[in-house]
């Protein structure tokens, strides 16, 4: 092992080379700037070459730095892939992360069809949507609505563009003007989509105090509150199709296309794993039936 430098130094170098910034590398590693700088200096001393040019407070890779970065990217990728396979020896298991509203309103009513087709796959669910769930490998699949569904590290499969609009129980809506005026109407908000009303108003020209009304921890609760007649909830159409069809909710102002979409994200390194592949194919088929 005397012919190899410190693994920590190589790890710190890899992050610093990726960002071309010691400060950004330190943030990503949750260490101090000086810790990164110290490890890089030790690595350069061990190698007997300069890996970064330091100019006007910035750092840039030298030719040797570029060469070592390419090697580290390849080797650390292989280590990550191998370690993940060893940690996740349970075959036919899939952990899906998504919002509580998507899970309750869209996925759970359909998931029995997946289980019937693939009874060998055990499913687990997490009601979180932070991208770190994938980077830390606490979830195999992440489904989320976002303005940007493409990420360098992840493969994105589009489930559908988001069409949003206010929904309410029968008897609550009355007659709406055009453009609609919600000034005196009860509004319901989800803290996970706190700007949804204003986003919709910007597109439709609707009027009202879009910060007023009752607030709920998540959209699923706001939808349930709307069904009980408490007011209007700003909701993606894809989450309330069943309620609209059965008449328990109405959409008196219709829906408009929002500047975001719902997508399924997986690590590029794992996109061809059998369980992920069949789930991706299934969710695409389910989404296409709603087009």
Protein backbone atom coordinates (compact mmCIF):
# COMPACT_ATOMS: atom_id res chain seq x y z
CA UNK A 1 0.00 0.00 0.00
CA UNK A 2 3.07 2.30 0.13
CA UNK A 3 2.65 2.85 -3.60
CA UNK A 4 -0.75 4.48 -3.09
CA UNK A 5 -1.52 7.88 -1.61
CA UNK A 6 -4.14 8.46 1.07
CA UNK A 7 -7.64 7.42 -0.04
CA UNK A 8 -9.02 10.46 1.82
CA UNK A 9 -6.67 12.73 -0.10
CA UNK A 10 -7.83 11.21 -3.39
CA UNK A 11 -11.46 11.62 -2.34
CA UNK A 12 -10.92 15.27 -1.43
CA UNK A 13 -9.03 15.82 -4.69
CA UNK A 14 -11.88 14.26 -6.69
CA UNK A 15 -14.39 16.69 -5.19
CA UNK A 16 -12.11 19.70 -5.58
CA UNK A 17 -11.41 18.72 -9.20
CA UNK A 18 -15.12 18.31 -9.91
CA UNK A 19 -15.95 21.82 -8.65
CA UNK A 20 -12.55 23.40 -9.38
CA UNK A 21 -13.10 25.01 -6.01
CA UNK A 22 -11.76 24.06 -2.59
CA UNK A 23 -14.65 25.86 -0.89
CA UNK A 24 -17.34 24.02 -2.87
CA UNK A 25 -15.51 20.73 -2.28
CA UNK A 26 -15.43 21.47 1.45
CA UNK A 27 -19.17 22.15 1.46
CA UNK A 28 -19.92 18.89 -0.36
CA UNK A 29 -17.72 16.93 2.05
CA UNK A 30 -18.95 18.80 5.15
CA UNK A 31 -15.41 19.72 6.15
CA UNK A 32 -13.46 22.97 6.31
CA UNK A 33 -11.70 24.71 3.41
CA UNK A 34 -8.36 24.23 5.18
CA UNK A 35 -8.97 20.47 5.49
CA UNK A 36 -9.39 20.20 1.72
CA UNK A 37 -6.37 22.43 1.08
CA UNK A 38 -4.26 20.36 3.51
CA UNK A 39 -5.17 17.06 1.84
CA UNK A 40 -4.45 18.46 -1.64
CA UNK A 41 -1.04 19.76 -0.54
CA UNK A 42 -0.21 16.35 0.98
CA UNK A 43 -1.28 14.62 -2.22
CA UNK A 44 0.78 16.97 -4.38
CA UNK A 45 3.77 16.40 -2.09
CA UNK A 46 3.35 12.63 -2.29
CA UNK A 47 3.07 12.73 -6.09
CA UNK A 48 5.79 15.31 -6.55
CA UNK A 49 3.67 17.36 -8.95
CA UNK A 50 1.24 20.28 -8.87
CA UNK A 51 -2.41 19.31 -9.43
CA UNK A 52 -3.95 22.79 -9.27
CA UNK A 53 -2.79 26.19 -10.43
CA UNK A 54 -3.77 28.82 -7.85
CA UNK A 55 -4.58 32.18 -9.47
CA UNK A 56 -6.40 35.19 -8.02
CA UNK A 57 -8.25 33.15 -5.43
CA UNK A 58 -9.30 30.49 -7.99
CA UNK A 59 -7.90 27.01 -8.66
CA UNK A 60 -7.55 25.32 -12.03
CA UNK A 61 -6.48 21.79 -12.86
CA UNK A 62 -3.04 21.29 -14.34
CA UNK A 63 -2.44 18.64 -17.02
CA UNK A 64 -1.51 16.16 -14.27
CA UNK A 65 -4.64 17.19 -12.38
CA UNK A 66 -6.84 16.47 -15.39
CA UNK A 67 -5.20 13.06 -15.78
CA UNK A 68 -5.68 12.16 -12.11
CA UNK A 69 -9.29 13.42 -12.15
CA UNK A 70 -10.18 11.08 -15.04
CA UNK A 71 -8.65 8.16 -13.14
CA UNK A 72 -10.43 9.04 -9.88
CA UNK A 73 -13.80 9.47 -11.61
CA UNK A 74 -13.54 5.99 -13.10
CA UNK A 75 -12.19 4.22 -10.00
CA UNK A 76 -14.56 5.87 -7.49
CA UNK A 77 -17.50 5.11 -9.77
CA UNK A 78 -16.55 1.43 -9.78
CA UNK A 79 -16.10 1.44 -6.00
CA UNK A 80 -19.52 3.08 -5.53
CA UNK A 81 -21.20 0.56 -7.82
CA UNK A 82 -19.55 -2.44 -6.17
CA UNK A 83 -20.23 -1.26 -2.63
CA UNK A 84 -23.87 -0.56 -3.47
CA UNK A 85 -24.28 -4.08 -4.85
CA UNK A 86 -22.74 -5.53 -1.70
CA UNK A 87 -24.88 -3.41 0.64
CA UNK A 88 -28.07 -4.26 -1.21
CA UNK A 89 -27.88 -8.00 -1.50
CA UNK A 90 -31.65 -8.35 -1.09
CA UNK A 91 -32.82 -9.15 -4.57
CA UNK A 92 -36.19 -8.08 -5.90
CA UNK A 93 -36.61 -5.16 -3.52
CA UNK A 94 -37.40 -1.58 -4.51
CA UNK A 95 -37.64 1.52 -2.32
CA UNK A 96 -39.68 4.32 -3.89
CA UNK A 97 -39.51 7.90 -2.58
CA UNK A 98 -42.20 10.44 -3.47
CA UNK A 99 -44.44 13.05 -1.89
CA UNK A 100 -47.26 11.91 0.38
CA UNK A 101 -49.81 13.42 -2.02
CA UNK A 102 -48.41 11.61 -5.06
CA UNK A 103 -48.25 8.36 -3.11
CA UNK A 104 -51.81 8.60 -1.78
CA UNK A 105 -53.53 10.15 -4.79
CA UNK A 106 -51.70 8.60 -7.76
CA UNK A 107 -49.39 5.73 -6.95
CA UNK A 108 -51.20 3.65 -4.32
CA UNK A 109 -54.47 3.39 -6.31
CA UNK A 110 -52.45 1.87 -9.17
CA UNK A 111 -49.65 -0.06 -7.47
CA UNK A 112 -51.65 -3.27 -7.10
CA UNK A 113 -51.41 -3.66 -10.88
CA UNK A 114 -47.63 -3.56 -10.65
CA UNK A 115 -47.59 -6.10 -7.82
CA UNK A 116 -49.85 -8.44 -9.80
CA UNK A 117 -47.46 -8.26 -12.76
CA UNK A 118 -44.31 -8.55 -10.64
CA UNK A 119 -45.16 -10.40 -7.41
CA UNK A 120 -41.48 -11.22 -6.83
CA UNK A 121 -40.63 -7.54 -6.19
CA UNK A 122 -41.11 -6.24 -2.65
CA UNK A 123 -41.92 -2.54 -2.48
CA UNK A 124 -41.18 0.02 0.23
CA UNK A 125 -42.23 3.67 0.23
CA UNK A 126 -40.79 6.87 1.68
CA UNK A 127 -42.72 10.15 1.69
CA UNK A 128 -39.71 12.39 1.02
CA UNK A 129 -38.48 14.04 -2.19
CA UNK A 130 -34.98 15.25 -1.39
CA UNK A 131 -32.47 14.34 -4.10
CA UNK A 132 -30.03 13.18 -1.39
CA UNK A 133 -32.17 10.04 -1.01
CA UNK A 134 -30.67 8.85 -4.29
CA UNK A 135 -27.14 10.08 -3.71
CA UNK A 136 -27.10 8.44 -0.26
CA UNK A 137 -28.81 5.34 -1.70
CA UNK A 138 -31.62 5.43 0.84
CA UNK A 139 -34.06 5.10 -2.07
CA UNK A 140 -33.82 3.33 -5.39
CA UNK A 141 -36.34 5.52 -7.21
CA UNK A 142 -37.34 9.15 -6.61
CA UNK A 143 -40.53 10.63 -8.06
CA UNK A 144 -40.94 14.38 -7.79
CA UNK A 145 -42.47 17.45 -9.38
CA UNK A 146 -39.93 20.12 -10.24
CA UNK A 147 -39.21 22.98 -12.59
CA UNK A 148 -36.12 21.12 -13.81
CA UNK A 149 -36.46 17.34 -14.13
CA UNK A 150 -33.03 16.79 -15.71
CA UNK A 151 -29.99 16.20 -13.51
CA UNK A 152 -26.43 15.36 -14.50
CA UNK A 153 -26.13 12.44 -12.10
CA UNK A 154 -29.56 10.94 -12.69
CA UNK A 155 -31.67 9.51 -15.45
CA UNK A 156 -35.09 11.18 -15.64
CA UNK A 157 -38.24 9.52 -16.98
CA UNK A 158 -41.07 11.96 -17.60
CA UNK A 159 -44.38 10.94 -16.05
CA UNK A 160 -46.25 14.03 -17.18
CA UNK A 161 -46.36 17.81 -17.35
CA UNK A 162 -48.12 19.40 -14.40
CA UNK A 163 -51.51 20.98 -15.10
CA UNK A 164 -52.79 22.80 -12.02
CA UNK A 165 -56.09 24.40 -11.04
CA UNK A 166 -58.38 25.10 -8.06
CA UNK A 167 -60.67 22.26 -6.97
CA UNK A 168 -63.53 22.26 -4.46
CA UNK A 169 -66.47 20.21 -3.29
CA UNK A 170 -69.85 20.56 -5.07
CA UNK A 171 -71.80 23.51 -3.75
CA UNK A 172 -68.73 25.53 -2.76
CA UNK A 173 -67.75 27.12 -6.05
CA UNK A 174 -70.83 29.10 -7.10
CA UNK A 175 -70.30 31.09 -10.28
CA UNK A 176 -66.82 32.34 -11.12
CA UNK A 177 -66.11 35.36 -13.26
CA UNK A 178 -63.60 35.39 -16.11
CA UNK A 179 -60.85 35.89 -15.17
CA UNK A 180 -61.84 34.32 -11.85
CA UNK A 181 -61.91 36.42 -8.69
CA UNK A 182 -61.04 34.55 -5.48
CA UNK A 183 -60.89 37.63 -3.27
CA UNK A 184 -63.77 36.55 -1.02
CA UNK A 185 -63.45 32.78 -1.43
CA UNK A 186 -61.80 30.37 1.07
CA UNK A 187 -58.38 29.23 -0.12
CA UNK A 188 -56.48 26.13 1.01
CA UNK A 189 -52.68 25.93 0.84
CA UNK A 190 -50.14 23.11 1.02
CA UNK A 191 -46.86 24.14 2.65
CA UNK A 192 -45.02 21.85 0.23
CA UNK A 193 -46.39 23.95 -2.69
CA UNK A 194 -46.68 27.31 -0.99
CA UNK A 195 -46.48 29.37 -4.21
CA UNK A 196 -48.92 27.25 -6.24
CA UNK A 197 -51.80 29.73 -6.06
CA UNK A 198 -49.65 32.65 -7.22
CA UNK A 199 -48.11 30.47 -9.94
CA UNK A 200 -51.59 29.69 -11.27
CA UNK A 201 -52.75 33.32 -10.97
CA UNK A 202 -49.73 34.53 -12.96
CA UNK A 203 -50.81 32.33 -15.88
CA UNK A 204 -54.57 32.85 -15.72
CA UNK A 205 -54.80 36.47 -14.55
CA UNK A 206 -57.01 35.44 -11.61
CA UNK A 207 -57.51 37.96 -8.82
CA UNK A 208 -57.39 37.50 -5.05
CA UNK A 209 -55.28 37.51 -1.92
CA UNK A 210 -53.35 34.34 -2.63
CA UNK A 211 -51.57 34.26 0.71
CA UNK A 212 -54.83 34.15 2.70
CA UNK A 213 -56.60 31.03 3.84
CA UNK A 214 -55.92 27.78 5.67
CA UNK A 215 -52.53 26.08 5.48
CA UNK A 216 -51.79 22.34 5.63
CA UNK A 217 -48.56 20.38 5.93
CA UNK A 218 -48.94 18.72 2.55
CA UNK A 219 -51.10 18.68 -0.55
CA UNK A 220 -52.85 15.44 0.36
CA UNK A 221 -54.37 17.13 3.43
CA UNK A 222 -55.35 20.20 1.38
CA UNK A 223 -57.14 17.95 -1.12
CA UNK A 224 -59.01 16.18 1.67
CA UNK A 225 -59.97 19.55 3.15
CA UNK A 226 -61.35 20.61 -0.22
CA UNK A 227 -63.44 17.42 -0.41
CA UNK A 228 -65.02 18.24 2.94
CA UNK A 229 -66.09 21.67 1.67
CA UNK A 230 -63.54 23.85 3.48
CA UNK A 231 -62.53 25.72 0.33
CA UNK A 232 -60.47 25.63 -2.84
CA UNK A 233 -57.20 23.70 -3.11
CA UNK A 234 -54.69 24.40 -5.88
CA UNK A 235 -54.00 20.92 -7.17
CA UNK A 236 -52.31 19.11 -10.07
CA UNK A 237 -54.94 17.52 -12.27
CA UNK A 238 -53.17 14.17 -12.30
CA UNK A 239 -53.72 13.80 -8.54
CA UNK A 240 -57.50 14.33 -8.56
CA UNK A 241 -58.70 12.62 -11.74
CA UNK A 242 -60.60 10.00 -9.75
CA UNK A 243 -62.35 12.62 -7.59
CA UNK A 244 -63.23 14.69 -10.66
CA UNK A 245 -64.64 11.63 -12.42
CA UNK A 246 -66.78 10.59 -9.46
CA UNK A 247 -67.90 14.17 -8.75
CA UNK A 248 -66.54 14.52 -5.23
CA UNK A 249 -64.42 17.42 -6.49
CA UNK A 250 -65.06 20.03 -9.16
CA UNK A 251 -62.62 22.20 -11.12
CA UNK A 252 -64.73 25.29 -11.85
CA UNK A 253 -61.85 27.29 -13.38
CA UNK A 254 -60.21 24.40 -15.24
CA UNK A 255 -56.50 23.66 -15.31
CA UNK A 256 -53.50 25.38 -16.87
CA UNK A 257 -50.03 24.07 -17.65
CA UNK A 258 -47.48 24.88 -14.96
CA UNK A 259 -43.79 25.45 -15.53
CA UNK A 260 -42.87 22.08 -14.02
CA UNK A 261 -43.29 18.38 -14.57
CA UNK A 262 -43.39 15.13 -12.61
CA UNK A 263 -40.58 12.69 -13.32
CA UNK A 264 -39.00 9.52 -12.00
CA UNK A 265 -35.29 9.84 -11.19
CA UNK A 266 -32.74 7.05 -10.79
CA UNK A 267 -28.96 6.93 -10.65
CA UNK A 268 -27.30 6.49 -14.06
CA UNK A 269 -25.22 3.72 -12.48
CA UNK A 270 -28.36 1.76 -11.58
CA UNK A 271 -30.76 2.51 -14.42
CA UNK A 272 -30.38 -0.96 -15.95
CA UNK A 273 -31.03 -2.94 -12.77
CA UNK A 274 -33.95 -5.32 -13.43
CA UNK A 275 -36.26 -4.03 -10.66
CA UNK A 276 -35.74 -0.41 -11.65
CA UNK A 277 -36.17 -1.19 -15.34
CA UNK A 278 -39.51 -2.98 -14.92
CA UNK A 279 -40.83 -0.28 -12.57
CA UNK A 280 -39.83 2.43 -15.05
CA UNK A 281 -41.59 0.58 -17.90
CA UNK A 282 -44.70 0.11 -15.77
CA UNK A 283 -44.97 3.71 -14.60
CA UNK A 284 -44.52 4.93 -18.18
CA UNK A 285 -47.38 2.69 -19.29
CA UNK A 286 -49.59 3.95 -16.46
CA UNK A 287 -48.80 7.58 -17.34
CA UNK A 288 -49.50 7.00 -21.03
CA UNK A 289 -52.99 5.67 -20.31
CA UNK A 290 -53.85 9.12 -18.93
CA UNK A 291 -52.66 11.11 -21.91
